[in-house]
């Protein structure tokens, strides 16, 4: 954690351009989302409970073009069907519109999520909420910020006082029993449970203390890469459902203020809470 405001020029030289470009790309994509929001969107089904809009594709194109101009040797892994230069030393992982269903139905809860991975480890995370004009940034070993001001996780220590969030994955049919069990268990043991429909934003809300914990199954790297780093840099803890190491390609996400982490994991590990034979939607490559 840091108590200092974000000053890009004070970061190590090799991180300054990635941070600058990620922020600029997120803001540019955010302007597109705001122009298209509630103007009537073209929606296509990608799968069961999984949609894409023309705005997703348009915003991704803007981000990809900007990053390719700035970093022609970097790889890019994006939600809308793009995986380039998988073996590159640097790889960008992005979701141009996290919360597509909200966006398509006119619900003002969505964001742009951009992360930079270096040699398999996320070094930079940027999440931009254009509705509320909030820009979350995390830089490994240097801190986390919202609109340039340092952020930190909450101080809640008792699960009964915790405000937690989750989400339903696209492949919800595969995990409906365990999701229902864990949702009910947390509803009975916490101050409240919310499914807000934009996981990257929920992670940022953990990072700045609005939420105390978040969990979800079957997520893809672009859902959690940026937000997960922001949580860690704000003093929080990330893990899988068993409390083991967090991996953006593992498909299991637990994010907390650190103080309630073990309590969250104990609930998840109750009988039936962890889906058997879970295969994540995207493998490391």
C-alpha atoms as a PDB file:
ATOM      1  CA  UNK A   1       0.000   0.000   0.000  1.00  0.00           C
ATOM      2  CA  UNK A   2       1.020   3.600  -0.485  1.00  0.00           C
ATOM      3  CA  UNK A   3      -0.038   6.887   1.067  1.00  0.00           C
ATOM      4  CA  UNK A   4       1.241   8.894  -1.882  1.00  0.00           C
ATOM      5  CA  UNK A   5      -0.831  10.098  -4.859  1.00  0.00           C
ATOM      6  CA  UNK A   6      -0.221   8.488  -8.222  1.00  0.00           C
ATOM      7  CA  UNK A   7       2.705  10.115 -10.020  1.00  0.00           C
ATOM      8  CA  UNK A   8       3.537   8.153 -13.157  1.00  0.00           C
ATOM      9  CA  UNK A   9       6.903   9.881 -13.575  1.00  0.00           C
ATOM     10  CA  UNK A  10       8.003   8.516 -10.210  1.00  0.00           C
ATOM     11  CA  UNK A  11       7.418   4.913 -11.269  1.00  0.00           C
ATOM     12  CA  UNK A  12      10.319   2.864 -12.685  1.00  0.00           C
ATOM     13  CA  UNK A  13      11.041   3.888 -16.265  1.00  0.00           C
ATOM     14  CA  UNK A  14       9.971   0.537 -17.745  1.00  0.00           C
ATOM     15  CA  UNK A  15       6.495   0.914 -16.215  1.00  0.00           C
ATOM     16  CA  UNK A  16       5.787   4.538 -17.085  1.00  0.00           C
ATOM     17  CA  UNK A  17       4.693   4.006 -20.685  1.00  0.00           C
ATOM     18  CA  UNK A  18       2.528   0.913 -19.951  1.00  0.00           C
ATOM     19  CA  UNK A  19       0.721   2.766 -17.149  1.00  0.00           C
ATOM     20  CA  UNK A  20       0.270   5.902 -19.265  1.00  0.00           C
ATOM     21  CA  UNK A  21      -1.038   3.995 -22.284  1.00  0.00           C
ATOM     22  CA  UNK A  22      -3.331   1.767 -20.224  1.00  0.00           C
ATOM     23  CA  UNK A  23      -4.931   4.805 -18.600  1.00  0.00           C
ATOM     24  CA  UNK A  24      -5.331   6.593 -21.918  1.00  0.00           C
ATOM     25  CA  UNK A  25      -6.772   3.486 -23.610  1.00  0.00           C
ATOM     26  CA  UNK A  26      -9.248   2.901 -20.769  1.00  0.00           C
ATOM     27  CA  UNK A  27     -10.465   6.483 -20.909  1.00  0.00           C
ATOM     28  CA  UNK A  28     -10.788   6.356 -24.692  1.00  0.00           C
ATOM     29  CA  UNK A  29     -12.820   3.155 -24.516  1.00  0.00           C
ATOM     30  CA  UNK A  30     -14.890   4.662 -21.720  1.00  0.00           C
ATOM     31  CA  UNK A  31     -15.851   7.591 -23.925  1.00  0.00           C
ATOM     32  CA  UNK A  32     -17.172   5.133 -26.511  1.00  0.00           C
ATOM     33  CA  UNK A  33     -19.229   3.326 -23.876  1.00  0.00           C
ATOM     34  CA  UNK A  34     -20.771   6.594 -22.729  1.00  0.00           C
ATOM     35  CA  UNK A  35     -21.644   7.641 -26.295  1.00  0.00           C
ATOM     36  CA  UNK A  36     -23.371   4.309 -26.944  1.00  0.00           C
ATOM     37  CA  UNK A  37     -25.025   3.807 -23.542  1.00  0.00           C
ATOM     38  CA  UNK A  38     -28.826   3.757 -23.713  1.00  0.00           C
ATOM     39  CA  UNK A  39     -28.829   4.640 -27.406  1.00  0.00           C
ATOM     40  CA  UNK A  40     -29.951   1.214 -28.595  1.00  0.00           C
ATOM     41  CA  UNK A  41     -27.335  -1.514 -28.972  1.00  0.00           C
ATOM     42  CA  UNK A  42     -26.944  -4.472 -31.282  1.00  0.00           C
ATOM     43  CA  UNK A  43     -26.781  -7.665 -29.213  1.00  0.00           C
ATOM     44  CA  UNK A  44     -25.600 -11.108 -30.307  1.00  0.00           C
ATOM     45  CA  UNK A  45     -25.502 -14.353 -28.344  1.00  0.00           C
ATOM     46  CA  UNK A  46     -22.061 -15.888 -27.884  1.00  0.00           C
ATOM     47  CA  UNK A  47     -23.407 -18.788 -25.850  1.00  0.00           C
ATOM     48  CA  UNK A  48     -25.898 -19.596 -23.127  1.00  0.00           C
ATOM     49  CA  UNK A  49     -26.277 -16.482 -20.921  1.00  0.00           C
ATOM     50  CA  UNK A  50     -23.355 -14.877 -22.774  1.00  0.00           C
ATOM     51  CA  UNK A  51     -23.802 -11.879 -25.064  1.00  0.00           C
ATOM     52  CA  UNK A  52     -21.704  -9.394 -27.000  1.00  0.00           C
ATOM     53  CA  UNK A  53     -22.705  -5.968 -28.261  1.00  0.00           C
ATOM     54  CA  UNK A  54     -21.383  -3.920 -31.139  1.00  0.00           C
ATOM     55  CA  UNK A  55     -20.004  -1.566 -28.490  1.00  0.00           C
ATOM     56  CA  UNK A  56     -17.831  -4.338 -27.006  1.00  0.00           C
ATOM     57  CA  UNK A  57     -16.246  -4.836 -30.417  1.00  0.00           C
ATOM     58  CA  UNK A  58     -15.871  -1.117 -31.117  1.00  0.00           C
ATOM     59  CA  UNK A  59     -14.270  -0.379 -27.743  1.00  0.00           C
ATOM     60  CA  UNK A  60     -11.925  -3.360 -28.030  1.00  0.00           C
ATOM     61  CA  UNK A  61     -10.803  -2.188 -31.463  1.00  0.00           C
ATOM     62  CA  UNK A  62      -9.881   1.236 -30.088  1.00  0.00           C
ATOM     63  CA  UNK A  63      -7.884  -0.239 -27.211  1.00  0.00           C
ATOM     64  CA  UNK A  64      -6.108  -2.827 -29.362  1.00  0.00           C
ATOM     65  CA  UNK A  65      -5.103  -0.297 -32.010  1.00  0.00           C
ATOM     66  CA  UNK A  66      -3.673   2.046 -29.396  1.00  0.00           C
ATOM     67  CA  UNK A  67      -1.715  -0.684 -27.635  1.00  0.00           C
ATOM     68  CA  UNK A  68      -0.402  -2.134 -30.894  1.00  0.00           C
ATOM     69  CA  UNK A  69       0.886   1.276 -31.961  1.00  0.00           C
ATOM     70  CA  UNK A  70       2.615   1.842 -28.631  1.00  0.00           C
ATOM     71  CA  UNK A  71       3.883  -1.723 -28.127  1.00  0.00           C
ATOM     72  CA  UNK A  72       4.127  -3.588 -31.436  1.00  0.00           C
ATOM     73  CA  UNK A  73       6.006  -6.509 -29.848  1.00  0.00           C
ATOM     74  CA  UNK A  74       3.503  -7.121 -27.065  1.00  0.00           C
ATOM     75  CA  UNK A  75       0.865  -9.827 -27.096  1.00  0.00           C
ATOM     76  CA  UNK A  76      -2.826  -9.163 -26.488  1.00  0.00           C
ATOM     77  CA  UNK A  77      -5.416 -11.455 -24.914  1.00  0.00           C
ATOM     78  CA  UNK A  78      -8.913  -9.976 -25.168  1.00  0.00           C
ATOM     79  CA  UNK A  79     -12.421 -11.186 -24.483  1.00  0.00           C
ATOM     80  CA  UNK A  80     -13.841 -10.628 -27.934  1.00  0.00           C
ATOM     81  CA  UNK A  81     -11.880 -13.266 -29.812  1.00  0.00           C
ATOM     82  CA  UNK A  82      -8.310 -12.007 -29.824  1.00  0.00           C
ATOM     83  CA  UNK A  83      -5.158 -13.806 -28.662  1.00  0.00           C
ATOM     84  CA  UNK A  84      -1.975 -12.579 -30.334  1.00  0.00           C
ATOM     85  CA  UNK A  85       1.685 -13.350 -29.666  1.00  0.00           C
ATOM     86  CA  UNK A  86       0.952 -15.648 -26.722  1.00  0.00           C
ATOM     87  CA  UNK A  87       4.664 -16.202 -26.114  1.00  0.00           C
ATOM     88  CA  UNK A  88       5.558 -12.512 -25.913  1.00  0.00           C
ATOM     89  CA  UNK A  89       7.400 -11.219 -22.840  1.00  0.00           C
ATOM     90  CA  UNK A  90       4.643  -8.653 -22.287  1.00  0.00           C
ATOM     91  CA  UNK A  91       0.979  -9.406 -22.842  1.00  0.00           C
ATOM     92  CA  UNK A  92      -2.049  -7.175 -22.444  1.00  0.00           C
ATOM     93  CA  UNK A  93      -5.193  -8.742 -20.998  1.00  0.00           C
ATOM     94  CA  UNK A  94      -8.319  -6.720 -21.560  1.00  0.00           C
ATOM     95  CA  UNK A  95     -12.075  -6.627 -21.338  1.00  0.00           C
ATOM     96  CA  UNK A  96     -13.360  -3.590 -23.242  1.00  0.00           C
ATOM     97  CA  UNK A  97     -16.751  -3.806 -21.540  1.00  0.00           C
ATOM     98  CA  UNK A  98     -17.065  -5.741 -18.302  1.00  0.00           C
ATOM     99  CA  UNK A  99     -20.752  -5.799 -17.427  1.00  0.00           C
ATOM    100  CA  UNK A 100     -22.063  -6.229 -20.970  1.00  0.00           C
ATOM    101  CA  UNK A 101     -25.475  -7.437 -19.815  1.00  0.00           C
ATOM    102  CA  UNK A 102     -25.875  -4.372 -17.600  1.00  0.00           C
ATOM    103  CA  UNK A 103     -24.829  -2.134 -20.475  1.00  0.00           C
ATOM    104  CA  UNK A 104     -27.226  -3.791 -22.909  1.00  0.00           C
ATOM    105  CA  UNK A 105     -30.163  -3.345 -20.511  1.00  0.00           C
ATOM    106  CA  UNK A 106     -29.350   0.264 -19.629  1.00  0.00           C
ATOM    107  CA  UNK A 107     -28.072  -0.516 -16.117  1.00  0.00           C
ATOM    108  CA  UNK A 108     -25.254   1.903 -15.162  1.00  0.00           C
ATOM    109  CA  UNK A 109     -22.768  -0.610 -13.782  1.00  0.00           C
ATOM    110  CA  UNK A 110     -19.978  -1.513 -16.199  1.00  0.00           C
ATOM    111  CA  UNK A 111     -16.329  -0.710 -16.837  1.00  0.00           C
ATOM    112  CA  UNK A 112     -13.228  -1.087 -18.978  1.00  0.00           C
ATOM    113  CA  UNK A 113     -10.561  -3.464 -17.617  1.00  0.00           C
ATOM    114  CA  UNK A 114      -6.952  -3.490 -18.884  1.00  0.00           C
ATOM    115  CA  UNK A 115      -3.969  -5.353 -17.410  1.00  0.00           C
ATOM    116  CA  UNK A 116      -0.356  -5.776 -18.482  1.00  0.00           C
ATOM    117  CA  UNK A 117       1.270  -9.131 -17.800  1.00  0.00           C
ATOM    118  CA  UNK A 118       5.085  -9.432 -17.826  1.00  0.00           C
ATOM    119  CA  UNK A 119       6.572 -12.920 -18.001  1.00  0.00           C
ATOM    120  CA  UNK A 120       3.354 -14.415 -16.664  1.00  0.00           C
ATOM    121  CA  UNK A 121       2.794 -11.973 -13.792  1.00  0.00           C
ATOM    122  CA  UNK A 122       0.405  -9.018 -13.858  1.00  0.00           C
ATOM    123  CA  UNK A 123       2.346  -5.788 -13.304  1.00  0.00           C
ATOM    124  CA  UNK A 124      -0.222  -3.103 -14.178  1.00  0.00           C
ATOM    125  CA  UNK A 125      -3.985  -3.018 -13.727  1.00  0.00           C
ATOM    126  CA  UNK A 126      -6.399  -0.283 -14.822  1.00  0.00           C
ATOM    127  CA  UNK A 127     -10.189  -0.335 -14.378  1.00  0.00           C
ATOM    128  CA  UNK A 128     -12.267   2.626 -15.546  1.00  0.00           C
ATOM    129  CA  UNK A 129     -15.894   3.247 -14.574  1.00  0.00           C
ATOM    130  CA  UNK A 130     -17.072   5.913 -17.040  1.00  0.00           C
ATOM    131  CA  UNK A 131     -20.478   6.364 -15.409  1.00  0.00           C
ATOM    132  CA  UNK A 132     -18.983   7.548 -12.121  1.00  0.00           C
ATOM    133  CA  UNK A 133     -15.727   8.788 -13.688  1.00  0.00           C
ATOM    134  CA  UNK A 134     -13.634   6.607 -11.397  1.00  0.00           C
ATOM    135  CA  UNK A 135     -10.252   5.390 -12.590  1.00  0.00           C
ATOM    136  CA  UNK A 136      -8.667   2.605 -10.524  1.00  0.00           C
ATOM    137  CA  UNK A 137      -4.975   1.867 -11.039  1.00  0.00           C
ATOM    138  CA  UNK A 138      -2.697  -0.743  -9.505  1.00  0.00           C
ATOM    139  CA  UNK A 139       1.046  -1.110 -10.081  1.00  0.00           C
ATOM    140  CA  UNK A 140       2.846  -4.063  -8.532  1.00  0.00           C
ATOM    141  CA  UNK A 141       4.977  -3.096  -5.534  1.00  0.00           C
ATOM    142  CA  UNK A 142       3.968   0.549  -5.912  1.00  0.00           C
ATOM    143  CA  UNK A 143       0.340   0.847  -4.804  1.00  0.00           C
ATOM    144  CA  UNK A 144      -3.266   1.287  -5.815  1.00  0.00           C
ATOM    145  CA  UNK A 145      -5.242   4.445  -6.482  1.00  0.00           C
ATOM    146  CA  UNK A 146      -8.667   5.780  -7.410  1.00  0.00           C
ATOM    147  CA  UNK A 147      -8.550   9.011  -9.400  1.00  0.00           C
ATOM    148  CA  UNK A 148      -4.949   9.447  -8.314  1.00  0.00           C
ATOM    149  CA  UNK A 149      -5.590   9.087  -4.582  1.00  0.00           C
ATOM    150  CA  UNK A 150      -4.295   6.032  -2.678  1.00  0.00           C
ATOM    151  CA  UNK A 151      -6.876   3.444  -1.664  1.00  0.00           C
ATOM    152  CA  UNK A 152      -6.906   0.688   0.916  1.00  0.00           C
ATOM    153  CA  UNK A 153      -9.134  -2.201   1.912  1.00  0.00           C
ATOM    154  CA  UNK A 154     -11.597  -2.071   4.799  1.00  0.00           C
ATOM    155  CA  UNK A 155     -10.843  -2.859   8.432  1.00  0.00           C
ATOM    156  CA  UNK A 156     -13.810  -5.213   9.007  1.00  0.00           C
ATOM    157  CA  UNK A 157     -12.713  -8.313  10.922  1.00  0.00           C
ATOM    158  CA  UNK A 158     -15.943 -10.227  11.583  1.00  0.00           C
ATOM    159  CA  UNK A 159     -17.748 -12.024   8.771  1.00  0.00           C
ATOM    160  CA  UNK A 160     -21.077 -11.061  10.334  1.00  0.00           C
ATOM    161  CA  UNK A 161     -20.274  -7.401   9.649  1.00  0.00           C
ATOM    162  CA  UNK A 162     -18.895  -8.026   6.155  1.00  0.00           C
ATOM    163  CA  UNK A 163     -20.565  -6.763   2.989  1.00  0.00           C
ATOM    164  CA  UNK A 164     -19.744  -9.202   0.196  1.00  0.00           C
ATOM    165  CA  UNK A 165     -20.336  -9.646  -3.515  1.00  0.00           C
ATOM    166  CA  UNK A 166     -20.383 -12.414  -6.086  1.00  0.00           C
ATOM    167  CA  UNK A 167     -21.411 -13.037  -9.675  1.00  0.00           C
ATOM    168  CA  UNK A 168     -23.047 -15.679 -11.853  1.00  0.00           C
ATOM    169  CA  UNK A 169     -20.736 -17.041 -14.542  1.00  0.00           C
ATOM    170  CA  UNK A 170     -21.832 -17.508 -18.147  1.00  0.00           C
ATOM    171  CA  UNK A 171     -21.681 -21.290 -17.681  1.00  0.00           C
ATOM    172  CA  UNK A 172     -23.896 -21.034 -14.605  1.00  0.00           C
ATOM    173  CA  UNK A 173     -25.691 -24.282 -15.424  1.00  0.00           C
ATOM    174  CA  UNK A 174     -22.528 -26.235 -14.671  1.00  0.00           C
ATOM    175  CA  UNK A 175     -22.231 -24.800 -11.166  1.00  0.00           C
ATOM    176  CA  UNK A 176     -25.763 -23.886 -10.152  1.00  0.00           C
ATOM    177  CA  UNK A 177     -25.869 -26.190  -7.118  1.00  0.00           C
ATOM    178  CA  UNK A 178     -22.627 -24.953  -5.559  1.00  0.00           C
ATOM    179  CA  UNK A 179     -23.462 -21.319  -6.396  1.00  0.00           C
ATOM    180  CA  UNK A 180     -26.845 -21.616  -4.699  1.00  0.00           C
ATOM    181  CA  UNK A 181     -25.315 -23.237  -1.630  1.00  0.00           C
ATOM    182  CA  UNK A 182     -22.582 -20.670  -1.159  1.00  0.00           C
ATOM    183  CA  UNK A 183     -24.874 -17.719  -1.857  1.00  0.00           C
ATOM    184  CA  UNK A 184     -27.294 -18.917   0.805  1.00  0.00           C
ATOM    185  CA  UNK A 185     -24.534 -19.593   3.301  1.00  0.00           C
ATOM    186  CA  UNK A 186     -23.028 -16.145   2.886  1.00  0.00           C
ATOM    187  CA  UNK A 187     -26.455 -14.497   2.976  1.00  0.00           C
ATOM    188  CA  UNK A 188     -26.993 -16.095   6.385  1.00  0.00           C
ATOM    189  CA  UNK A 189     -23.550 -15.212   7.739  1.00  0.00           C
ATOM    190  CA  UNK A 190     -22.818 -11.680   6.463  1.00  0.00           C
ATOM    191  CA  UNK A 191     -24.315  -8.204   6.434  1.00  0.00           C
ATOM    192  CA  UNK A 192     -25.411  -8.766   2.837  1.00  0.00           C
ATOM    193  CA  UNK A 193     -24.580 -10.312  -0.538  1.00  0.00           C
ATOM    194  CA  UNK A 194     -24.730  -8.526  -3.889  1.00  0.00           C
ATOM    195  CA  UNK A 195     -24.414  -9.646  -7.511  1.00  0.00           C
ATOM    196  CA  UNK A 196     -23.733  -6.384  -9.348  1.00  0.00           C
ATOM    197  CA  UNK A 197     -22.813  -7.908 -12.701  1.00  0.00           C
ATOM    198  CA  UNK A 198     -19.337  -6.424 -13.229  1.00  0.00           C
ATOM    199  CA  UNK A 199     -16.631  -8.430 -11.481  1.00  0.00           C
ATOM    200  CA  UNK A 200     -13.771  -6.049 -12.267  1.00  0.00           C
ATOM    201  CA  UNK A 201     -15.639  -3.242 -10.504  1.00  0.00           C
ATOM    202  CA  UNK A 202     -16.464  -5.470  -7.536  1.00  0.00           C
ATOM    203  CA  UNK A 203     -12.751  -6.182  -7.127  1.00  0.00           C
ATOM    204  CA  UNK A 204     -12.033  -2.443  -7.138  1.00  0.00           C
ATOM    205  CA  UNK A 205     -14.761  -1.942  -4.543  1.00  0.00           C
ATOM    206  CA  UNK A 206     -12.982  -4.463  -2.313  1.00  0.00           C
ATOM    207  CA  UNK A 207      -9.756  -2.543  -2.898  1.00  0.00           C
ATOM    208  CA  UNK A 208     -11.230   0.771  -1.767  1.00  0.00           C
ATOM    209  CA  UNK A 209     -13.209  -0.627   1.163  1.00  0.00           C
ATOM    210  CA  UNK A 210     -16.754  -0.396  -0.186  1.00  0.00           C
ATOM    211  CA  UNK A 211     -16.967  -4.191  -0.134  1.00  0.00           C
ATOM    212  CA  UNK A 212     -15.153  -6.478   2.290  1.00  0.00           C
ATOM    213  CA  UNK A 213     -15.001  -9.585   0.083  1.00  0.00           C
ATOM    214  CA  UNK A 214     -15.875 -10.982  -3.323  1.00  0.00           C
ATOM    215  CA  UNK A 215     -15.943 -14.513  -4.720  1.00  0.00           C
ATOM    216  CA  UNK A 216     -16.832 -16.039  -8.068  1.00  0.00           C
ATOM    217  CA  UNK A 217     -16.299 -19.273 -10.006  1.00  0.00           C
ATOM    218  CA  UNK A 218     -15.407 -19.813 -13.667  1.00  0.00           C
ATOM    219  CA  UNK A 219     -13.904 -16.437 -14.498  1.00  0.00           C
ATOM    220  CA  UNK A 220     -11.600 -15.678 -17.405  1.00  0.00           C
ATOM    221  CA  UNK A 221      -8.296 -13.785 -17.080  1.00  0.00           C
ATOM    222  CA  UNK A 222      -9.723 -10.561 -18.514  1.00  0.00           C
ATOM    223  CA  UNK A 223     -12.374 -10.556 -15.771  1.00  0.00           C
ATOM    224  CA  UNK A 224      -9.908 -10.466 -12.894  1.00  0.00           C
ATOM    225  CA  UNK A 225      -6.356  -9.623 -14.009  1.00  0.00           C
ATOM    226  CA  UNK A 226      -6.533  -5.868 -13.464  1.00  0.00           C
ATOM    227  CA  UNK A 227      -8.862  -5.888 -10.465  1.00  0.00           C
ATOM    228  CA  UNK A 228      -6.960  -8.658  -8.702  1.00  0.00           C
ATOM    229  CA  UNK A 229      -3.724  -6.669  -8.772  1.00  0.00           C
ATOM    230  CA  UNK A 230      -5.532  -3.551  -7.538  1.00  0.00           C
ATOM    231  CA  UNK A 231      -6.869  -5.528  -4.546  1.00  0.00           C
ATOM    232  CA  UNK A 232      -3.415  -6.818  -3.657  1.00  0.00           C
ATOM    233  CA  UNK A 233      -1.799  -3.406  -3.964  1.00  0.00           C
ATOM    234  CA  UNK A 234      -4.511  -1.919  -1.716  1.00  0.00           C
ATOM    235  CA  UNK A 235      -3.547  -4.376   1.040  1.00  0.00           C
ATOM    236  CA  UNK A 236      -6.082  -7.096   0.264  1.00  0.00           C
ATOM    237  CA  UNK A 237      -5.643 -10.799  -0.362  1.00  0.00           C
ATOM    238  CA  UNK A 238      -6.418 -12.914  -3.403  1.00  0.00           C
ATOM    239  CA  UNK A 239      -6.696 -16.705  -3.451  1.00  0.00           C
ATOM    240  CA  UNK A 240      -8.520 -19.652  -4.950  1.00  0.00           C
ATOM    241  CA  UNK A 241     -11.533 -21.205  -3.187  1.00  0.00           C
ATOM    242  CA  UNK A 242      -9.301 -23.314  -0.926  1.00  0.00           C
ATOM    243  CA  UNK A 243      -7.147 -20.398   0.169  1.00  0.00           C
ATOM    244  CA  UNK A 244      -4.309 -21.397  -2.154  1.00  0.00           C
ATOM    245  CA  UNK A 245      -2.355 -19.149  -4.533  1.00  0.00           C
ATOM    246  CA  UNK A 246      -4.387 -16.950  -6.840  1.00  0.00           C
ATOM    247  CA  UNK A 247      -3.971 -17.525 -10.581  1.00  0.00           C
ATOM    248  CA  UNK A 248      -5.882 -15.477 -13.149  1.00  0.00           C
ATOM    249  CA  UNK A 249      -6.043 -18.609 -15.351  1.00  0.00           C
ATOM    250  CA  UNK A 250      -7.416 -20.866 -12.620  1.00  0.00           C
ATOM    251  CA  UNK A 251     -11.046 -19.714 -12.782  1.00  0.00           C
ATOM    252  CA  UNK A 252     -11.514 -19.355  -9.005  1.00  0.00           C
ATOM    253  CA  UNK A 253     -11.499 -15.934  -7.372  1.00  0.00           C
ATOM    254  CA  UNK A 254     -11.592 -14.956  -3.722  1.00  0.00           C
ATOM    255  CA  UNK A 255     -10.774 -11.319  -2.948  1.00  0.00           C
ATOM    256  CA  UNK A 256     -10.947  -9.891   0.565  1.00  0.00           C
ATOM    257  CA  UNK A 257      -9.669  -7.192   2.879  1.00  0.00           C
ATOM    258  CA  UNK A 258      -7.353  -9.927   4.243  1.00  0.00           C
ATOM    259  CA  UNK A 259      -8.965  -9.764   7.697  1.00  0.00           C
ATOM    260  CA  UNK A 260     -11.993 -11.899   6.771  1.00  0.00           C
ATOM    261  CA  UNK A 261     -10.242 -14.070   4.207  1.00  0.00           C
ATOM    262  CA  UNK A 262      -9.992 -17.251   6.261  1.00  0.00           C
ATOM    263  CA  UNK A 263     -13.649 -16.918   7.284  1.00  0.00           C
ATOM    264  CA  UNK A 264     -14.708 -16.580   3.635  1.00  0.00           C
ATOM    265  CA  UNK A 265     -12.664 -19.621   2.610  1.00  0.00           C
ATOM    266  CA  UNK A 266     -14.116 -21.723   5.434  1.00  0.00           C
ATOM    267  CA  UNK A 267     -17.610 -21.085   4.100  1.00  0.00           C
ATOM    268  CA  UNK A 268     -16.580 -21.884   0.523  1.00  0.00           C
ATOM    269  CA  UNK A 269     -15.020 -25.162   1.685  1.00  0.00           C
ATOM    270  CA  UNK A 270     -18.231 -26.402   3.293  1.00  0.00           C
ATOM    271  CA  UNK A 271     -19.656 -29.551   1.626  1.00  0.00           C
ATOM    272  CA  UNK A 272     -20.841 -28.855  -1.909  1.00  0.00           C
ATOM    273  CA  UNK A 273     -19.402 -25.356  -2.063  1.00  0.00           C
ATOM    274  CA  UNK A 274     -16.511 -26.049  -4.442  1.00  0.00           C
ATOM    275  CA  UNK A 275     -17.603 -27.484  -7.808  1.00  0.00           C
ATOM    276  CA  UNK A 276     -15.947 -30.827  -8.609  1.00  0.00           C
ATOM    277  CA  UNK A 277     -13.934 -31.224 -11.795  1.00  0.00           C
ATOM    278  CA  UNK A 278     -13.915 -27.517 -12.571  1.00  0.00           C
ATOM    279  CA  UNK A 279     -12.058 -26.712 -15.782  1.00  0.00           C
ATOM    280  CA  UNK A 280     -11.425 -22.963 -16.207  1.00  0.00           C
ATOM    281  CA  UNK A 281     -12.751 -21.353 -19.396  1.00  0.00           C
ATOM    282  CA  UNK A 282      -9.300 -20.074 -20.479  1.00  0.00           C
ATOM    283  CA  UNK A 283      -6.034 -21.924 -19.981  1.00  0.00           C
ATOM    284  CA  UNK A 284      -2.624 -20.309 -19.596  1.00  0.00           C
ATOM    285  CA  UNK A 285      -0.914 -20.083 -22.961  1.00  0.00           C
END
